[in-house]
Amino acid sequence: RALAQNYMSRIVDPVINPAICYVRMQKPKPDRCCECILDYLKSLQDGDPLSPDRSSLKKPNVAIPDDQSQIIAKCLAEVIGQQPSKDDVLGLLVKAFEKAV
């Protein structure tokens, strides 16, 4: 368990955390959270990360719905189970989210 947490914090968190922050700032419709994460991850692959629409910062914060959170957790579990290298994690996250949405 400690090894998985260490792996997550070193390899996966630096990729997924900015994507989740992007979603929180972008405030998409509740059923589009995972699509929004996928859009961000793809933009990272392209070397041009998306910036959130600053006008949506004024909107009230909305929690990521449970069904979307479960999809995110499933995608992360799938990638973490493979223990990819730092170089491969982004591609595997994109594939996992593409399958899920």
N, C-alpha and C. Protein backbone atom coordinates (compact mmCIF):
# COMPACT_ATOMS: atom_id res chain seq x y z
N ARG A 1 0.83 -1.19 0.00
CA ARG A 1 0.00 0.00 0.00
C ARG A 1 0.87 1.25 0.00
N ALA A 2 1.90 1.26 0.84
CA ALA A 2 2.80 2.42 0.89
C ALA A 2 3.53 2.59 -0.44
N LEU A 3 3.89 1.47 -1.06
CA LEU A 3 4.56 1.54 -2.36
C LEU A 3 3.64 2.15 -3.42
N ALA A 4 2.38 1.77 -3.39
CA ALA A 4 1.41 2.31 -4.35
C ALA A 4 1.23 3.81 -4.13
N GLN A 5 1.15 4.24 -2.88
CA GLN A 5 1.00 5.67 -2.58
C GLN A 5 2.23 6.44 -3.04
N ASN A 6 3.40 5.88 -2.79
CA ASN A 6 4.65 6.51 -3.21
C ASN A 6 4.69 6.62 -4.73
N TYR A 7 4.32 5.54 -5.41
CA TYR A 7 4.29 5.53 -6.87
C TYR A 7 3.32 6.58 -7.39
N MET A 8 2.13 6.61 -6.80
CA MET A 8 1.09 7.57 -7.20
C MET A 8 1.61 9.00 -7.06
N SER A 9 2.21 9.31 -5.92
CA SER A 9 2.66 10.68 -5.69
C SER A 9 3.83 11.08 -6.59
N ARG A 10 4.68 10.13 -6.95
CA ARG A 10 5.84 10.45 -7.78
C ARG A 10 5.53 10.48 -9.27
N ILE A 11 4.70 9.55 -9.73
CA ILE A 11 4.51 9.34 -11.17
C ILE A 11 3.17 9.86 -11.68
N VAL A 12 2.09 9.52 -11.01
CA VAL A 12 0.75 9.82 -11.53
C VAL A 12 0.26 11.20 -11.12
N ASP A 13 0.44 11.57 -9.86
CA ASP A 13 -0.06 12.86 -9.38
C ASP A 13 0.40 14.06 -10.21
N PRO A 14 1.68 14.13 -10.60
CA PRO A 14 2.11 15.31 -11.38
C PRO A 14 1.37 15.45 -12.72
N VAL A 15 0.78 14.38 -13.21
CA VAL A 15 0.04 14.44 -14.47
C VAL A 15 -1.45 14.66 -14.22
N ILE A 16 -2.03 13.92 -13.28
CA ILE A 16 -3.48 13.98 -13.10
C ILE A 16 -3.92 15.20 -12.28
N ASN A 17 -3.11 15.65 -11.32
CA ASN A 17 -3.53 16.78 -10.49
C ASN A 17 -3.79 18.05 -11.28
N PRO A 18 -2.91 18.44 -12.23
CA PRO A 18 -3.23 19.64 -13.02
C PRO A 18 -4.49 19.45 -13.86
N ALA A 19 -4.76 18.23 -14.30
CA ALA A 19 -5.98 17.97 -15.08
C ALA A 19 -7.22 18.17 -14.21
N ILE A 20 -7.16 17.70 -12.97
CA ILE A 20 -8.30 17.86 -12.05
C ILE A 20 -8.46 19.33 -11.67
N CYS A 21 -7.36 20.03 -11.47
CA CYS A 21 -7.43 21.48 -11.19
C CYS A 21 -8.07 22.20 -12.37
N TYR A 22 -7.70 21.81 -13.58
CA TYR A 22 -8.28 22.41 -14.79
C TYR A 22 -9.80 22.22 -14.78
N VAL A 23 -10.25 21.00 -14.48
CA VAL A 23 -11.69 20.71 -14.45
C VAL A 23 -12.37 21.56 -13.38
N ARG A 24 -11.76 21.67 -12.22
CA ARG A 24 -12.37 22.45 -11.14
C ARG A 24 -12.49 23.93 -11.52
N MET A 25 -11.50 24.45 -12.25
CA MET A 25 -11.53 25.85 -12.67
C MET A 25 -12.46 26.04 -13.86
N GLN A 26 -12.53 25.06 -14.74
CA GLN A 26 -13.34 25.16 -15.95
C GLN A 26 -14.83 25.01 -15.65
N LYS A 27 -15.14 24.21 -14.62
CA LYS A 27 -16.52 23.98 -14.18
C LYS A 27 -17.43 23.52 -15.32
N PRO A 28 -17.11 22.37 -15.94
CA PRO A 28 -17.96 21.86 -17.02
C PRO A 28 -19.29 21.35 -16.47
N LYS A 29 -20.19 21.00 -17.38
CA LYS A 29 -21.44 20.36 -16.94
C LYS A 29 -21.05 19.09 -16.21
N PRO A 30 -21.81 18.68 -15.18
CA PRO A 30 -21.42 17.53 -14.36
C PRO A 30 -21.08 16.26 -15.15
N ASP A 31 -21.79 16.00 -16.24
CA ASP A 31 -21.53 14.77 -16.99
C ASP A 31 -20.35 14.90 -17.95
N ARG A 32 -19.68 16.05 -17.97
CA ARG A 32 -18.56 16.26 -18.88
C ARG A 32 -17.20 16.31 -18.16
N CYS A 33 -17.17 16.02 -16.87
CA CYS A 33 -15.92 16.12 -16.11
C CYS A 33 -14.82 15.24 -16.69
N CYS A 34 -15.14 13.98 -16.98
CA CYS A 34 -14.13 13.06 -17.50
C CYS A 34 -13.69 13.45 -18.91
N GLU A 35 -14.63 13.92 -19.72
CA GLU A 35 -14.27 14.41 -21.06
C GLU A 35 -13.33 15.60 -20.95
N CYS A 36 -13.59 16.45 -19.99
CA CYS A 36 -12.76 17.63 -19.77
C CYS A 36 -11.35 17.22 -19.34
N ILE A 37 -11.24 16.22 -18.48
CA ILE A 37 -9.93 15.70 -18.08
C ILE A 37 -9.21 15.15 -19.31
N LEU A 38 -9.93 14.38 -20.13
CA LEU A 38 -9.34 13.82 -21.34
C LEU A 38 -8.85 14.93 -22.27
N ASP A 39 -9.64 15.97 -22.45
CA ASP A 39 -9.21 17.09 -23.29
C ASP A 39 -7.91 17.69 -22.77
N TYR A 40 -7.83 17.85 -21.45
CA TYR A 40 -6.62 18.42 -20.86
C TYR A 40 -5.41 17.49 -21.06
N LEU A 41 -5.61 16.19 -20.81
CA LEU A 41 -4.51 15.23 -20.97
C LEU A 41 -4.01 15.20 -22.42
N LYS A 42 -4.95 15.26 -23.38
CA LYS A 42 -4.55 15.29 -24.79
C LYS A 42 -3.77 16.56 -25.12
N SER A 43 -4.17 17.67 -24.51
CA SER A 43 -3.44 18.92 -24.76
C SER A 43 -2.03 18.83 -24.20
N LEU A 44 -1.86 18.12 -23.08
CA LEU A 44 -0.52 17.88 -22.53
C LEU A 44 0.32 17.07 -23.51
N GLN A 45 -0.30 16.05 -24.10
CA GLN A 45 0.40 15.22 -25.08
C GLN A 45 0.87 16.07 -26.26
N ASP A 46 0.04 17.03 -26.65
CA ASP A 46 0.37 17.90 -27.77
C ASP A 46 1.40 18.96 -27.39
N GLY A 47 1.74 19.03 -26.11
CA GLY A 47 2.73 20.00 -25.65
C GLY A 47 2.18 21.40 -25.47
N ASP A 48 0.86 21.54 -25.47
CA ASP A 48 0.24 22.85 -25.32
C ASP A 48 -0.93 22.75 -24.35
N PRO A 49 -0.65 22.67 -23.03
CA PRO A 49 -1.72 22.46 -22.04
C PRO A 49 -2.79 23.55 -22.12
N LEU A 50 -4.03 23.11 -22.02
CA LEU A 50 -5.16 24.04 -22.03
C LEU A 50 -5.13 24.95 -20.81
N SER A 51 -5.56 26.17 -21.00
CA SER A 51 -5.74 27.09 -19.88
C SER A 51 -7.24 27.21 -19.64
N PRO A 52 -7.63 27.27 -18.37
CA PRO A 52 -9.06 27.38 -18.10
C PRO A 52 -9.61 28.73 -18.56
N ASP A 53 -10.87 28.73 -18.89
CA ASP A 53 -11.59 29.95 -19.24
C ASP A 53 -11.75 30.77 -17.97
N ARG A 54 -11.08 31.88 -17.90
CA ARG A 54 -11.08 32.68 -16.66
C ARG A 54 -12.48 33.18 -16.28
N SER A 55 -13.37 33.32 -17.26
CA SER A 55 -14.71 33.81 -16.94
C SER A 55 -15.49 32.82 -16.09
N SER A 56 -15.12 31.53 -16.18
CA SER A 56 -15.85 30.54 -15.37
C SER A 56 -15.40 30.54 -13.91
N LEU A 57 -14.33 31.26 -13.61
CA LEU A 57 -13.87 31.33 -12.21
C LEU A 57 -14.91 32.01 -11.32
N LYS A 58 -15.74 32.85 -11.90
CA LYS A 58 -16.75 33.56 -11.11
C LYS A 58 -17.93 32.66 -10.76
N LYS A 59 -18.09 31.57 -11.49
CA LYS A 59 -19.19 30.65 -11.21
C LYS A 59 -18.92 29.93 -9.90
N PRO A 60 -19.99 29.52 -9.20
CA PRO A 60 -19.78 28.79 -7.94
C PRO A 60 -19.10 27.44 -8.20
N ASN A 61 -18.31 27.01 -7.24
CA ASN A 61 -17.65 25.71 -7.36
C ASN A 61 -18.67 24.59 -7.35
N VAL A 62 -18.39 23.58 -8.15
CA VAL A 62 -19.26 22.42 -8.23
C VAL A 62 -18.40 21.19 -8.01
N ALA A 63 -18.86 20.31 -7.14
CA ALA A 63 -18.12 19.08 -6.88
C ALA A 63 -18.22 18.15 -8.09
N ILE A 64 -17.18 17.36 -8.31
CA ILE A 64 -17.22 16.36 -9.38
C ILE A 64 -18.21 15.29 -8.93
N PRO A 65 -19.23 15.00 -9.74
CA PRO A 65 -20.26 14.02 -9.33
C PRO A 65 -19.68 12.64 -9.07
N ASP A 66 -20.38 11.87 -8.23
CA ASP A 66 -19.91 10.54 -7.84
C ASP A 66 -19.66 9.63 -9.03
N ASP A 67 -20.56 9.64 -10.02
CA ASP A 67 -20.37 8.73 -11.15
C ASP A 67 -19.09 9.09 -11.93
N GLN A 68 -18.82 10.39 -12.05
CA GLN A 68 -17.59 10.81 -12.74
C GLN A 68 -16.36 10.50 -11.88
N SER A 69 -16.49 10.66 -10.56
CA SER A 69 -15.39 10.33 -9.65
C SER A 69 -15.04 8.85 -9.73
N GLN A 70 -16.08 8.01 -9.86
CA GLN A 70 -15.84 6.56 -9.97
C GLN A 70 -15.11 6.23 -11.27
N ILE A 71 -15.45 6.94 -12.35
CA ILE A 71 -14.76 6.72 -13.63
C ILE A 71 -13.29 7.14 -13.49
N ILE A 72 -13.06 8.29 -12.86
CA ILE A 72 -11.69 8.77 -12.65
C ILE A 72 -10.90 7.75 -11.83
N ALA A 73 -11.50 7.27 -10.74
CA ALA A 73 -10.82 6.28 -9.88
C ALA A 73 -10.51 5.01 -10.65
N LYS A 74 -11.44 4.55 -11.49
CA LYS A 74 -11.24 3.34 -12.28
C LYS A 74 -10.08 3.54 -13.27
N CYS A 75 -10.04 4.69 -13.93
CA CYS A 75 -8.96 4.98 -14.87
C CYS A 75 -7.61 5.02 -14.17
N LEU A 76 -7.57 5.68 -13.00
CA LEU A 76 -6.32 5.76 -12.25
C LEU A 76 -5.88 4.38 -11.79
N ALA A 77 -6.82 3.56 -11.31
CA ALA A 77 -6.48 2.21 -10.84
C ALA A 77 -5.92 1.38 -11.99
N GLU A 78 -6.52 1.53 -13.17
CA GLU A 78 -6.06 0.78 -14.34
C GLU A 78 -4.60 1.15 -14.68
N VAL A 79 -4.30 2.43 -14.64
CA VAL A 79 -2.95 2.89 -14.97
C VAL A 79 -1.96 2.52 -13.87
N ILE A 80 -2.34 2.74 -12.62
CA ILE A 80 -1.44 2.43 -11.50
C ILE A 80 -1.13 0.94 -11.46
N GLY A 81 -2.12 0.11 -11.79
CA GLY A 81 -1.91 -1.34 -11.81
C GLY A 81 -0.81 -1.76 -12.78
N GLN A 82 -0.60 -0.96 -13.82
CA GLN A 82 0.43 -1.27 -14.81
C GLN A 82 1.81 -0.75 -14.40
N GLN A 83 1.84 0.13 -13.40
CA GLN A 83 3.10 0.73 -12.92
C GLN A 83 3.96 1.26 -14.09
N PRO A 84 3.39 2.12 -14.94
CA PRO A 84 4.17 2.61 -16.07
C PRO A 84 5.29 3.56 -15.63
N SER A 85 6.24 3.76 -16.50
CA SER A 85 7.30 4.72 -16.23
C SER A 85 6.73 6.13 -16.34
N LYS A 86 7.48 7.09 -15.86
CA LYS A 86 7.06 8.49 -15.90
C LYS A 86 6.76 8.90 -17.35
N ASP A 87 7.54 8.39 -18.30
CA ASP A 87 7.36 8.75 -19.71
C ASP A 87 6.10 8.15 -20.32
N ASP A 88 5.63 7.04 -19.79
CA ASP A 88 4.49 6.33 -20.38
C ASP A 88 3.15 6.66 -19.71
N VAL A 89 3.19 7.29 -18.55
CA VAL A 89 1.96 7.46 -17.77
C VAL A 89 0.94 8.33 -18.49
N LEU A 90 1.35 9.38 -19.15
CA LEU A 90 0.40 10.27 -19.82
C LEU A 90 -0.36 9.53 -20.93
N GLY A 91 0.36 8.77 -21.75
CA GLY A 91 -0.29 8.02 -22.82
C GLY A 91 -1.28 7.00 -22.29
N LEU A 92 -0.92 6.33 -21.20
CA LEU A 92 -1.82 5.33 -20.62
C LEU A 92 -3.05 5.98 -19.99
N LEU A 93 -2.87 7.17 -19.39
CA LEU A 93 -4.02 7.88 -18.84
C LEU A 93 -4.97 8.30 -19.96
N VAL A 94 -4.41 8.78 -21.05
CA VAL A 94 -5.26 9.18 -22.20
C VAL A 94 -6.04 7.97 -22.69
N LYS A 95 -5.37 6.84 -22.84
CA LYS A 95 -6.06 5.62 -23.33
C LYS A 95 -7.17 5.20 -22.36
N ALA A 96 -6.87 5.24 -21.05
CA ALA A 96 -7.87 4.83 -20.06
C ALA A 96 -9.09 5.74 -20.10
N PHE A 97 -8.88 7.05 -20.22
CA PHE A 97 -10.01 7.99 -20.26
C PHE A 97 -10.75 7.89 -21.59
N GLU A 98 -10.03 7.63 -22.68
CA GLU A 98 -10.71 7.45 -23.98
C GLU A 98 -11.67 6.26 -23.92
N LYS A 99 -11.21 5.17 -23.29
CA LYS A 99 -12.08 3.99 -23.15
C LYS A 99 -13.29 4.30 -22.28
N ALA A 100 -13.09 5.14 -21.26
CA ALA A 100 -14.14 5.37 -20.27
C ALA A 100 -15.21 6.38 -20.74
N VAL A 101 -14.85 7.28 -21.63
CA VAL A 101 -15.85 8.30 -22.02
C VAL A 101 -16.48 8.07 -23.38
